[in-house]
Amino acid sequence: MYEEILYEVDDSVAVITMNRPETLNALTDRTQAEIRHALDQSERDEDVIGSVITGAGRGFCSGVDMNALGKMSEAGKRLGESYSNLAADPGNPDEDPNFEVGATYFLGLRKPLIAAINGACAGLGFSYAVFCDLRFVDRNARFATAFSQRGLIAEHGTSWILPRLIGPANALDILWTGRKFDGEEAGRIGLANRVCEPGECVNDAVAYLKEIAATAAPNSLMMMKKQIYRHLNAELRGAMDESNVWMDESLARGDFKEGVASFVERRAPSFSRVEVK
């Protein structure tokens, strides 16, 4: 089914690899549709705890394919192919309108999504990376936003998410200059959650999710992700009230009983899986 990505499940972790290495995995409409479809598959697989997205070869993702950019430049507007055969509806079970446009659907996924950034990460590829939950970055990876050099604005929701990750001043510096920076700097400014040895970011991300799979309740992970992203825009009292309701619900679930029992009995927990209808 997939022509421009690879999809593999490693035990409890789905690994999605953008597979156009000759273009540093530049995104076409098809690539984006395949990624969305693959994330829908990982959401529906009860054995999968979370997903890792990465790139084949030397790059994570260099942005939108230049052929597509050329056509958009000529037309003076966005163009696109829907690929209806790859139609998918991953995440966003509450139909939150905040998670419906562009890569914002990453935030509405029920399961963790980690970007394993192994090389060049620019343009729309940069936007994909910042909307993932975590970023595991090779220390020699290279980042650039490139929007200002193309006469564009901070696209794809980057102006919303980036200052929340690294602060307004760092965000403006990166966006204004479009300069290249490496994985070490990404770690210093808080963009990278892990700075990895070259070639190890995918392995490190998979190991991280497997460790979570062995100890954490999948439904707890889902609800914590929901809390974090919903409450970014909420007043404190509203967030507290909603969290109190959800806490009461979690106390009544079997996962709470299992978590306590497994701790007392000094054994690995056996939690219920996230159900996707």
C-alpha atoms as a PDB file:
ATOM      1  CA  MET A   1       0.000   0.000   0.000  1.00  0.00           C
ATOM      2  CA  TYR A   2       2.744   2.474   0.900  1.00  0.00           C
ATOM      3  CA  GLU A   3       5.104   3.840  -1.746  1.00  0.00           C
ATOM      4  CA  GLU A   4       6.884   6.655   0.070  1.00  0.00           C
ATOM      5  CA  ILE A   5       7.086   5.455   3.671  1.00  0.00           C
ATOM      6  CA  LEU A   6       7.968   2.261   5.517  1.00  0.00           C
ATOM      7  CA  TYR A   7       5.790   0.991   8.344  1.00  0.00           C
ATOM      8  CA  GLU A   8       7.050  -1.594  10.816  1.00  0.00           C
ATOM      9  CA  VAL A   9       5.952  -2.706  14.275  1.00  0.00           C
ATOM     10  CA  ASP A  10       8.825  -3.559  16.620  1.00  0.00           C
ATOM     11  CA  ASP A  11       7.189  -5.416  19.513  1.00  0.00           C
ATOM     12  CA  SER A  12       5.083  -2.620  21.065  1.00  0.00           C
ATOM     13  CA  VAL A  13       6.368   0.288  18.939  1.00  0.00           C
ATOM     14  CA  ALA A  14       5.348   1.365  15.432  1.00  0.00           C
ATOM     15  CA  VAL A  15       8.178   2.879  13.373  1.00  0.00           C
ATOM     16  CA  ILE A  16       7.218   5.094  10.426  1.00  0.00           C
ATOM     17  CA  THR A  17      10.110   5.927   8.091  1.00  0.00           C
ATOM     18  CA  MET A  18       9.764   8.595   5.424  1.00  0.00           C
ATOM     19  CA  ASN A  19      11.421   6.812   2.528  1.00  0.00           C
ATOM     20  CA  ARG A  20      12.527   9.266  -0.152  1.00  0.00           C
ATOM     21  CA  PRO A  21      16.217   9.477   0.790  1.00  0.00           C
ATOM     22  CA  GLU A  22      17.255  10.910  -2.584  1.00  0.00           C
ATOM     23  CA  THR A  23      15.313  14.092  -1.674  1.00  0.00           C
ATOM     24  CA  LEU A  24      16.193  14.012   2.036  1.00  0.00           C
ATOM     25  CA  ASN A  25      12.621  12.751   2.467  1.00  0.00           C
ATOM     26  CA  ALA A  26      10.939  15.849   1.064  1.00  0.00           C
ATOM     27  CA  LEU A  27       7.190  15.638   1.579  1.00  0.00           C
ATOM     28  CA  THR A  28       4.778  15.089  -1.259  1.00  0.00           C
ATOM     29  CA  ASP A  29       1.011  14.968  -0.856  1.00  0.00           C
ATOM     30  CA  ARG A  30       1.295  11.197  -1.020  1.00  0.00           C
ATOM     31  CA  THR A  31       3.943  11.049   1.720  1.00  0.00           C
ATOM     32  CA  GLN A  32       1.730  13.091   4.015  1.00  0.00           C
ATOM     33  CA  ALA A  33      -1.311  10.927   3.258  1.00  0.00           C
ATOM     34  CA  GLU A  34       0.680   7.752   3.909  1.00  0.00           C
ATOM     35  CA  ILE A  35       1.993   9.067   7.234  1.00  0.00           C
ATOM     36  CA  ARG A  36      -1.550   9.928   8.327  1.00  0.00           C
ATOM     37  CA  HIS A  37      -2.778   6.482   7.271  1.00  0.00           C
ATOM     38  CA  ALA A  38       0.086   4.725   9.081  1.00  0.00           C
ATOM     39  CA  LEU A  39      -0.611   6.649  12.280  1.00  0.00           C
ATOM     40  CA  ASP A  40      -4.231   5.544  12.010  1.00  0.00           C
ATOM     41  CA  GLN A  41      -2.989   1.948  11.821  1.00  0.00           C
ATOM     42  CA  SER A  42      -0.807   2.350  14.910  1.00  0.00           C
ATOM     43  CA  GLU A  43      -3.717   3.969  16.779  1.00  0.00           C
ATOM     44  CA  ARG A  44      -5.918   0.960  16.035  1.00  0.00           C
ATOM     45  CA  ASP A  45      -3.314  -1.676  16.919  1.00  0.00           C
ATOM     46  CA  GLU A  46      -3.925  -2.492  20.598  1.00  0.00           C
ATOM     47  CA  ASP A  47      -0.440  -3.986  20.921  1.00  0.00           C
ATOM     48  CA  VAL A  48       1.233  -0.699  19.950  1.00  0.00           C
ATOM     49  CA  ILE A  49       2.064   1.656  22.840  1.00  0.00           C
ATOM     50  CA  GLY A  50       3.343   4.508  20.653  1.00  0.00           C
ATOM     51  CA  SER A  51       5.001   5.483  17.385  1.00  0.00           C
ATOM     52  CA  VAL A  52       8.335   6.794  16.158  1.00  0.00           C
ATOM     53  CA  ILE A  53       8.625   8.822  12.956  1.00  0.00           C
ATOM     54  CA  THR A  54      11.998   9.174  11.252  1.00  0.00           C
ATOM     55  CA  GLY A  55      13.631   9.499   7.846  1.00  0.00           C
ATOM     56  CA  ALA A  56      15.612   7.146   5.631  1.00  0.00           C
ATOM     57  CA  GLY A  57      19.214   7.918   4.753  1.00  0.00           C
ATOM     58  CA  ARG A  58      20.893  11.173   5.767  1.00  0.00           C
ATOM     59  CA  GLY A  59      17.808  13.251   6.481  1.00  0.00           C
ATOM     60  CA  PHE A  60      14.732  13.411   8.664  1.00  0.00           C
ATOM     61  CA  CYS A  61      12.734  15.611   6.288  1.00  0.00           C
ATOM     62  CA  SER A  62      13.880  18.550   4.151  1.00  0.00           C
ATOM     63  CA  GLY A  63      10.417  20.099   3.839  1.00  0.00           C
ATOM     64  CA  VAL A  64       7.915  20.161   0.994  1.00  0.00           C
ATOM     65  CA  ASP A  65       9.098  18.619  -2.252  1.00  0.00           C
ATOM     66  CA  MET A  66      10.556  21.363  -4.465  1.00  0.00           C
ATOM     67  CA  ASN A  67       8.493  20.266  -7.471  1.00  0.00           C
ATOM     68  CA  ALA A  68       5.351  20.870  -5.424  1.00  0.00           C
ATOM     69  CA  LEU A  69       6.698  24.235  -4.241  1.00  0.00           C
ATOM     70  CA  GLY A  70       7.379  25.234  -7.837  1.00  0.00           C
ATOM     71  CA  LYS A  71       3.830  24.437  -8.872  1.00  0.00           C
ATOM     72  CA  MET A  72       2.439  26.368  -5.896  1.00  0.00           C
ATOM     73  CA  SER A  73       4.658  29.333  -6.784  1.00  0.00           C
ATOM     74  CA  GLU A  74       3.310  29.363 -10.323  1.00  0.00           C
ATOM     75  CA  ALA A  75      -0.290  29.017  -9.178  1.00  0.00           C
ATOM     76  CA  GLY A  76       0.069  31.479  -6.291  1.00  0.00           C
ATOM     77  CA  LYS A  77      -1.914  29.198  -3.981  1.00  0.00           C
ATOM     78  CA  ARG A  78      -1.887  25.838  -2.213  1.00  0.00           C
ATOM     79  CA  LEU A  79      -2.349  22.788  -4.383  1.00  0.00           C
ATOM     80  CA  GLY A  80      -2.897  19.211  -3.334  1.00  0.00           C
ATOM     81  CA  GLU A  81      -4.018  15.694  -4.114  1.00  0.00           C
ATOM     82  CA  SER A  82      -6.358  14.067  -1.607  1.00  0.00           C
ATOM     83  CA  TYR A  83      -5.390  10.398  -2.147  1.00  0.00           C
ATOM     84  CA  SER A  84      -8.833   9.218  -1.146  1.00  0.00           C
ATOM     85  CA  ASN A  85      -7.645   5.598  -1.113  1.00  0.00           C
ATOM     86  CA  LEU A  86      -5.474   6.536   1.884  1.00  0.00           C
ATOM     87  CA  ALA A  87      -8.217   8.342   3.759  1.00  0.00           C
ATOM     88  CA  ALA A  88      -7.739   7.957   7.522  1.00  0.00           C
ATOM     89  CA  ASP A  89      -8.935   9.542  10.726  1.00  0.00           C
ATOM     90  CA  PRO A  90      -6.254   9.091  13.384  1.00  0.00           C
ATOM     91  CA  GLY A  91      -6.710  10.472  16.866  1.00  0.00           C
ATOM     92  CA  ASN A  92      -8.901  13.339  18.057  1.00  0.00           C
ATOM     93  CA  PRO A  93     -11.706  11.216  19.545  1.00  0.00           C
ATOM     94  CA  ASP A  94     -13.312  14.343  21.053  1.00  0.00           C
ATOM     95  CA  GLU A  95     -13.400  16.082  17.646  1.00  0.00           C
ATOM     96  CA  ASP A  96     -11.463  19.015  19.088  1.00  0.00           C
ATOM     97  CA  PRO A  97     -11.178  21.632  16.298  1.00  0.00           C
ATOM     98  CA  ASN A  98      -7.660  22.503  17.495  1.00  0.00           C
ATOM     99  CA  PHE A  99      -6.414  19.148  16.196  1.00  0.00           C
ATOM    100  CA  GLU A 100      -7.894  19.177  12.704  1.00  0.00           C
ATOM    101  CA  VAL A 101      -5.549  21.269  10.537  1.00  0.00           C
ATOM    102  CA  GLY A 102      -2.134  20.223   9.212  1.00  0.00           C
ATOM    103  CA  ALA A 103       0.182  18.386  11.578  1.00  0.00           C
ATOM    104  CA  THR A 104      -1.874  19.477  14.600  1.00  0.00           C
ATOM    105  CA  TYR A 105      -3.564  16.067  14.374  1.00  0.00           C
ATOM    106  CA  PHE A 106      -0.363  14.690  15.956  1.00  0.00           C
ATOM    107  CA  LEU A 107      -1.488  16.330  19.210  1.00  0.00           C
ATOM    108  CA  GLY A 108      -4.854  14.579  19.088  1.00  0.00           C
ATOM    109  CA  LEU A 109      -3.402  11.072  18.758  1.00  0.00           C
ATOM    110  CA  ARG A 110      -4.214   8.768  21.658  1.00  0.00           C
ATOM    111  CA  LYS A 111      -0.671   7.399  21.822  1.00  0.00           C
ATOM    112  CA  PRO A 112       2.808   8.953  22.180  1.00  0.00           C
ATOM    113  CA  LEU A 113       4.564  10.075  18.993  1.00  0.00           C
ATOM    114  CA  ILE A 114       8.331  10.634  19.009  1.00  0.00           C
ATOM    115  CA  ALA A 115      10.310  12.261  16.198  1.00  0.00           C
ATOM    116  CA  ALA A 116      13.672  10.521  15.778  1.00  0.00           C
ATOM    117  CA  ILE A 117      15.599  13.239  13.944  1.00  0.00           C
ATOM    118  CA  ASN A 118      18.551  11.637  12.257  1.00  0.00           C
ATOM    119  CA  GLY A 119      19.665  14.412   9.902  1.00  0.00           C
ATOM    120  CA  ALA A 120      18.371  17.410   7.952  1.00  0.00           C
ATOM    121  CA  CYS A 121      15.109  18.785   9.375  1.00  0.00           C
ATOM    122  CA  ALA A 122      13.679  21.853   7.631  1.00  0.00           C
ATOM    123  CA  GLY A 123      10.496  23.573   6.513  1.00  0.00           C
ATOM    124  CA  LEU A 124       7.412  21.404   6.856  1.00  0.00           C
ATOM    125  CA  GLY A 125       9.663  18.651   8.206  1.00  0.00           C
ATOM    126  CA  PHE A 126      10.541  21.031  11.054  1.00  0.00           C
ATOM    127  CA  SER A 127       6.826  21.580  11.674  1.00  0.00           C
ATOM    128  CA  TYR A 128       6.241  17.827  11.778  1.00  0.00           C
ATOM    129  CA  ALA A 129       9.033  17.501  14.339  1.00  0.00           C
ATOM    130  CA  VAL A 130       7.775  20.204  16.695  1.00  0.00           C
ATOM    131  CA  PHE A 131       4.231  18.791  16.747  1.00  0.00           C
ATOM    132  CA  CYS A 132       5.496  15.397  17.913  1.00  0.00           C
ATOM    133  CA  ASP A 133       5.334  14.786  21.653  1.00  0.00           C
ATOM    134  CA  LEU A 134       9.096  14.316  22.056  1.00  0.00           C
ATOM    135  CA  ARG A 135      12.165  14.759  19.878  1.00  0.00           C
ATOM    136  CA  PHE A 136      15.152  12.391  20.040  1.00  0.00           C
ATOM    137  CA  VAL A 137      17.892  14.062  17.992  1.00  0.00           C
ATOM    138  CA  ASP A 138      21.242  12.899  16.650  1.00  0.00           C
ATOM    139  CA  ARG A 139      23.820  15.380  17.874  1.00  0.00           C
ATOM    140  CA  ASN A 140      24.934  16.062  14.281  1.00  0.00           C
ATOM    141  CA  ALA A 141      21.406  16.590  12.915  1.00  0.00           C
ATOM    142  CA  ARG A 142      20.807  19.927  11.214  1.00  0.00           C
ATOM    143  CA  PHE A 143      17.717  22.118  11.631  1.00  0.00           C
ATOM    144  CA  ALA A 144      16.431  25.114   9.665  1.00  0.00           C
ATOM    145  CA  THR A 145      13.009  26.710   9.320  1.00  0.00           C
ATOM    146  CA  ALA A 146      13.683  28.320   5.885  1.00  0.00           C
ATOM    147  CA  PHE A 147      10.324  30.133   5.813  1.00  0.00           C
ATOM    148  CA  SER A 148      11.735  33.684   5.788  1.00  0.00           C
ATOM    149  CA  GLN A 149      14.129  32.911   2.913  1.00  0.00           C
ATOM    150  CA  ARG A 150      11.182  31.772   0.796  1.00  0.00           C
ATOM    151  CA  GLY A 151       9.173  34.911   1.473  1.00  0.00           C
ATOM    152  CA  LEU A 152       6.757  32.978   3.677  1.00  0.00           C
ATOM    153  CA  ILE A 153       5.453  33.256   7.232  1.00  0.00           C
ATOM    154  CA  ALA A 154       5.852  30.779  10.081  1.00  0.00           C
ATOM    155  CA  GLU A 155       3.664  28.101   8.562  1.00  0.00           C
ATOM    156  CA  HIS A 156       1.785  25.018   9.650  1.00  0.00           C
ATOM    157  CA  GLY A 157       1.148  26.097  13.256  1.00  0.00           C
ATOM    158  CA  THR A 158       4.833  26.611  14.033  1.00  0.00           C
ATOM    159  CA  SER A 159       4.133  30.083  15.455  1.00  0.00           C
ATOM    160  CA  TRP A 160       1.878  28.467  18.085  1.00  0.00           C
ATOM    161  CA  ILE A 161       3.906  25.441  19.149  1.00  0.00           C
ATOM    162  CA  LEU A 162       7.525  26.619  18.852  1.00  0.00           C
ATOM    163  CA  PRO A 163       7.458  29.397  21.505  1.00  0.00           C
ATOM    164  CA  ARG A 164       5.719  26.981  23.844  1.00  0.00           C
ATOM    165  CA  LEU A 165       8.668  24.614  23.455  1.00  0.00           C
ATOM    166  CA  ILE A 166      11.639  26.989  23.490  1.00  0.00           C
ATOM    167  CA  GLY A 167      10.301  30.443  24.442  1.00  0.00           C
ATOM    168  CA  PRO A 168       9.404  33.458  22.260  1.00  0.00           C
ATOM    169  CA  ALA A 169      12.932  34.870  21.868  1.00  0.00           C
ATOM    170  CA  ASN A 170      14.488  31.591  20.748  1.00  0.00           C
ATOM    171  CA  ALA A 171      11.528  30.988  18.433  1.00  0.00           C
ATOM    172  CA  LEU A 172      11.894  34.411  16.793  1.00  0.00           C
ATOM    173  CA  ASP A 173      15.644  33.964  16.382  1.00  0.00           C
ATOM    174  CA  ILE A 174      15.172  30.639  14.597  1.00  0.00           C
ATOM    175  CA  LEU A 175      12.285  31.882  12.447  1.00  0.00           C
ATOM    176  CA  TRP A 176      13.750  35.282  11.529  1.00  0.00           C
ATOM    177  CA  THR A 177      17.211  34.053  10.562  1.00  0.00           C
ATOM    178  CA  GLY A 178      16.295  30.669   9.142  1.00  0.00           C
ATOM    179  CA  ARG A 179      19.818  29.735  10.239  1.00  0.00           C
ATOM    180  CA  LYS A 180      21.033  26.180  10.531  1.00  0.00           C
ATOM    181  CA  PHE A 181      21.660  24.754  13.986  1.00  0.00           C
ATOM    182  CA  ASP A 182      22.679  21.306  15.166  1.00  0.00           C
ATOM    183  CA  GLY A 183      21.384  18.731  17.618  1.00  0.00           C
ATOM    184  CA  GLU A 184      23.617  20.016  20.405  1.00  0.00           C
ATOM    185  CA  GLU A 185      22.040  23.477  20.213  1.00  0.00           C
ATOM    186  CA  ALA A 186      18.590  21.892  19.919  1.00  0.00           C
ATOM    187  CA  GLY A 187      19.285  20.247  23.258  1.00  0.00           C
ATOM    188  CA  ARG A 188      20.509  23.476  24.873  1.00  0.00           C
ATOM    189  CA  ILE A 189      17.406  25.470  23.906  1.00  0.00           C
ATOM    190  CA  GLY A 190      14.999  22.680  24.837  1.00  0.00           C
ATOM    191  CA  LEU A 191      13.920  21.604  21.368  1.00  0.00           C
ATOM    192  CA  ALA A 192      15.547  18.178  21.724  1.00  0.00           C
ATOM    193  CA  ASN A 193      14.405  16.022  24.632  1.00  0.00           C
ATOM    194  CA  ARG A 194      17.300  13.633  24.052  1.00  0.00           C
ATOM    195  CA  VAL A 195      20.554  14.317  22.230  1.00  0.00           C
ATOM    196  CA  CYS A 196      21.687  10.974  20.827  1.00  0.00           C
ATOM    197  CA  GLU A 197      24.884   9.591  19.407  1.00  0.00           C
ATOM    198  CA  PRO A 198      24.955   9.554  15.585  1.00  0.00           C
ATOM    199  CA  GLY A 199      22.772   6.796  14.178  1.00  0.00           C
ATOM    200  CA  GLU A 200      21.141   5.976  17.520  1.00  0.00           C
ATOM    201  CA  CYS A 201      18.081   8.233  17.743  1.00  0.00           C
ATOM    202  CA  VAL A 202      15.623   5.646  16.381  1.00  0.00           C
ATOM    203  CA  ASN A 203      16.955   2.916  18.668  1.00  0.00           C
ATOM    204  CA  ASP A 204      16.845   5.279  21.643  1.00  0.00           C
ATOM    205  CA  ALA A 205      13.262   6.350  20.872  1.00  0.00           C
ATOM    206  CA  VAL A 206      12.087   2.757  20.434  1.00  0.00           C
ATOM    207  CA  ALA A 207      13.797   1.736  23.693  1.00  0.00           C
ATOM    208  CA  TYR A 208      12.130   4.640  25.501  1.00  0.00           C
ATOM    209  CA  LEU A 209       8.658   3.591  24.342  1.00  0.00           C
ATOM    210  CA  LYS A 210       9.325  -0.065  25.164  1.00  0.00           C
ATOM    211  CA  GLU A 211      10.321   0.931  28.686  1.00  0.00           C
ATOM    212  CA  ILE A 212       7.072   2.861  29.028  1.00  0.00           C
ATOM    213  CA  ALA A 213       5.153  -0.133  27.651  1.00  0.00           C
ATOM    214  CA  ALA A 214       6.537  -2.319  30.435  1.00  0.00           C
ATOM    215  CA  THR A 215       5.534  -0.027  33.283  1.00  0.00           C
ATOM    216  CA  ALA A 216       2.812   2.479  32.335  1.00  0.00           C
ATOM    217  CA  ALA A 217      -0.921   2.178  31.701  1.00  0.00           C
ATOM    218  CA  PRO A 218      -1.685   3.038  28.046  1.00  0.00           C
ATOM    219  CA  ASN A 219      -4.911   4.767  29.061  1.00  0.00           C
ATOM    220  CA  SER A 220      -2.980   6.900  31.544  1.00  0.00           C
ATOM    221  CA  LEU A 221      -0.586   7.945  28.773  1.00  0.00           C
ATOM    222  CA  MET A 222      -3.543   8.851  26.568  1.00  0.00           C
ATOM    223  CA  MET A 223      -5.234  10.932  29.256  1.00  0.00           C
ATOM    224  CA  MET A 224      -2.012  12.724  30.231  1.00  0.00           C
ATOM    225  CA  LYS A 225      -1.401  13.696  26.613  1.00  0.00           C
ATOM    226  CA  LYS A 226      -4.990  14.911  26.396  1.00  0.00           C
ATOM    227  CA  GLN A 227      -4.555  16.958  29.576  1.00  0.00           C
ATOM    228  CA  ILE A 228      -1.339  18.606  28.425  1.00  0.00           C
ATOM    229  CA  TYR A 229      -2.569  19.777  25.031  1.00  0.00           C
ATOM    230  CA  ARG A 230      -6.125  20.690  26.035  1.00  0.00           C
ATOM    231  CA  HIS A 231      -4.946  22.641  29.042  1.00  0.00           C
ATOM    232  CA  LEU A 232      -2.353  24.704  27.158  1.00  0.00           C
ATOM    233  CA  ASN A 233      -5.241  27.005  26.218  1.00  0.00           C
ATOM    234  CA  ALA A 234      -7.287  26.647  29.399  1.00  0.00           C
ATOM    235  CA  GLU A 235      -7.499  28.800  32.513  1.00  0.00           C
ATOM    236  CA  LEU A 236      -6.055  27.111  35.597  1.00  0.00           C
ATOM    237  CA  ARG A 237      -9.424  26.628  37.311  1.00  0.00           C
ATOM    238  CA  GLY A 238     -10.956  25.008  34.242  1.00  0.00           C
ATOM    239  CA  ALA A 239      -7.967  22.700  33.904  1.00  0.00           C
ATOM    240  CA  MET A 240      -8.172  21.759  37.576  1.00  0.00           C
ATOM    241  CA  ASP A 241     -11.904  21.053  37.424  1.00  0.00           C
ATOM    242  CA  GLU A 242     -11.540  18.891  34.320  1.00  0.00           C
ATOM    243  CA  SER A 243      -8.589  17.017  35.803  1.00  0.00           C
ATOM    244  CA  ASN A 244     -10.552  16.319  38.976  1.00  0.00           C
ATOM    245  CA  VAL A 245     -13.357  14.742  36.941  1.00  0.00           C
ATOM    246  CA  TRP A 246     -10.897  12.610  35.009  1.00  0.00           C
ATOM    247  CA  MET A 247      -9.095  11.602  38.210  1.00  0.00           C
ATOM    248  CA  ASP A 248     -12.371  10.347  39.705  1.00  0.00           C
ATOM    249  CA  GLU A 249     -12.939   8.325  36.520  1.00  0.00           C
ATOM    250  CA  SER A 250      -9.437   6.833  36.668  1.00  0.00           C
ATOM    251  CA  LEU A 251      -9.900   5.794  40.302  1.00  0.00           C
ATOM    252  CA  ALA A 252     -12.901   3.716  39.220  1.00  0.00           C
ATOM    253  CA  ARG A 253     -11.084   1.908  36.400  1.00  0.00           C
ATOM    254  CA  GLY A 254      -9.444  -1.475  36.634  1.00  0.00           C
ATOM    255  CA  ASP A 255      -6.042  -0.004  35.751  1.00  0.00           C
ATOM    256  CA  PHE A 256      -5.880   1.708  39.150  1.00  0.00           C
ATOM    257  CA  LYS A 257      -6.547  -1.557  40.977  1.00  0.00           C
ATOM    258  CA  GLU A 258      -3.989  -3.336  38.808  1.00  0.00           C
ATOM    259  CA  GLY A 259      -1.400  -0.607  39.381  1.00  0.00           C
ATOM    260  CA  VAL A 260      -1.738  -0.900  43.149  1.00  0.00           C
ATOM    261  CA  ALA A 261      -1.834  -4.717  43.107  1.00  0.00           C
ATOM    262  CA  SER A 262       1.250  -5.035  40.885  1.00  0.00           C
ATOM    263  CA  PHE A 263       3.170  -2.656  43.177  1.00  0.00           C
ATOM    264  CA  VAL A 264       2.189  -4.554  46.330  1.00  0.00           C
ATOM    265  CA  GLU A 265       2.900  -7.931  44.715  1.00  0.00           C
ATOM    266  CA  ARG A 266       6.177  -6.700  43.193  1.00  0.00           C
ATOM    267  CA  ARG A 267       5.360  -7.848  39.671  1.00  0.00           C
ATOM    268  CA  ALA A 268       4.988  -6.291  36.239  1.00  0.00           C
ATOM    269  CA  PRO A 269       1.551  -4.709  35.698  1.00  0.00           C
ATOM    270  CA  SER A 270      -0.963  -5.979  33.151  1.00  0.00           C
ATOM    271  CA  PHE A 271      -2.897  -2.895  32.094  1.00  0.00           C
ATOM    272  CA  SER A 272      -5.803  -2.621  29.680  1.00  0.00           C
ATOM    273  CA  ARG A 273      -5.140  -1.364  26.158  1.00  0.00           C
ATOM    274  CA  VAL A 274      -6.418   1.781  24.503  1.00  0.00           C
ATOM    275  CA  GLU A 275      -9.600   0.940  22.592  1.00  0.00           C
ATOM    276  CA  VAL A 276     -10.203   2.608  19.243  1.00  0.00           C
ATOM    277  CA  LYS A 277     -13.600   2.155  17.636  1.00  0.00           C
END
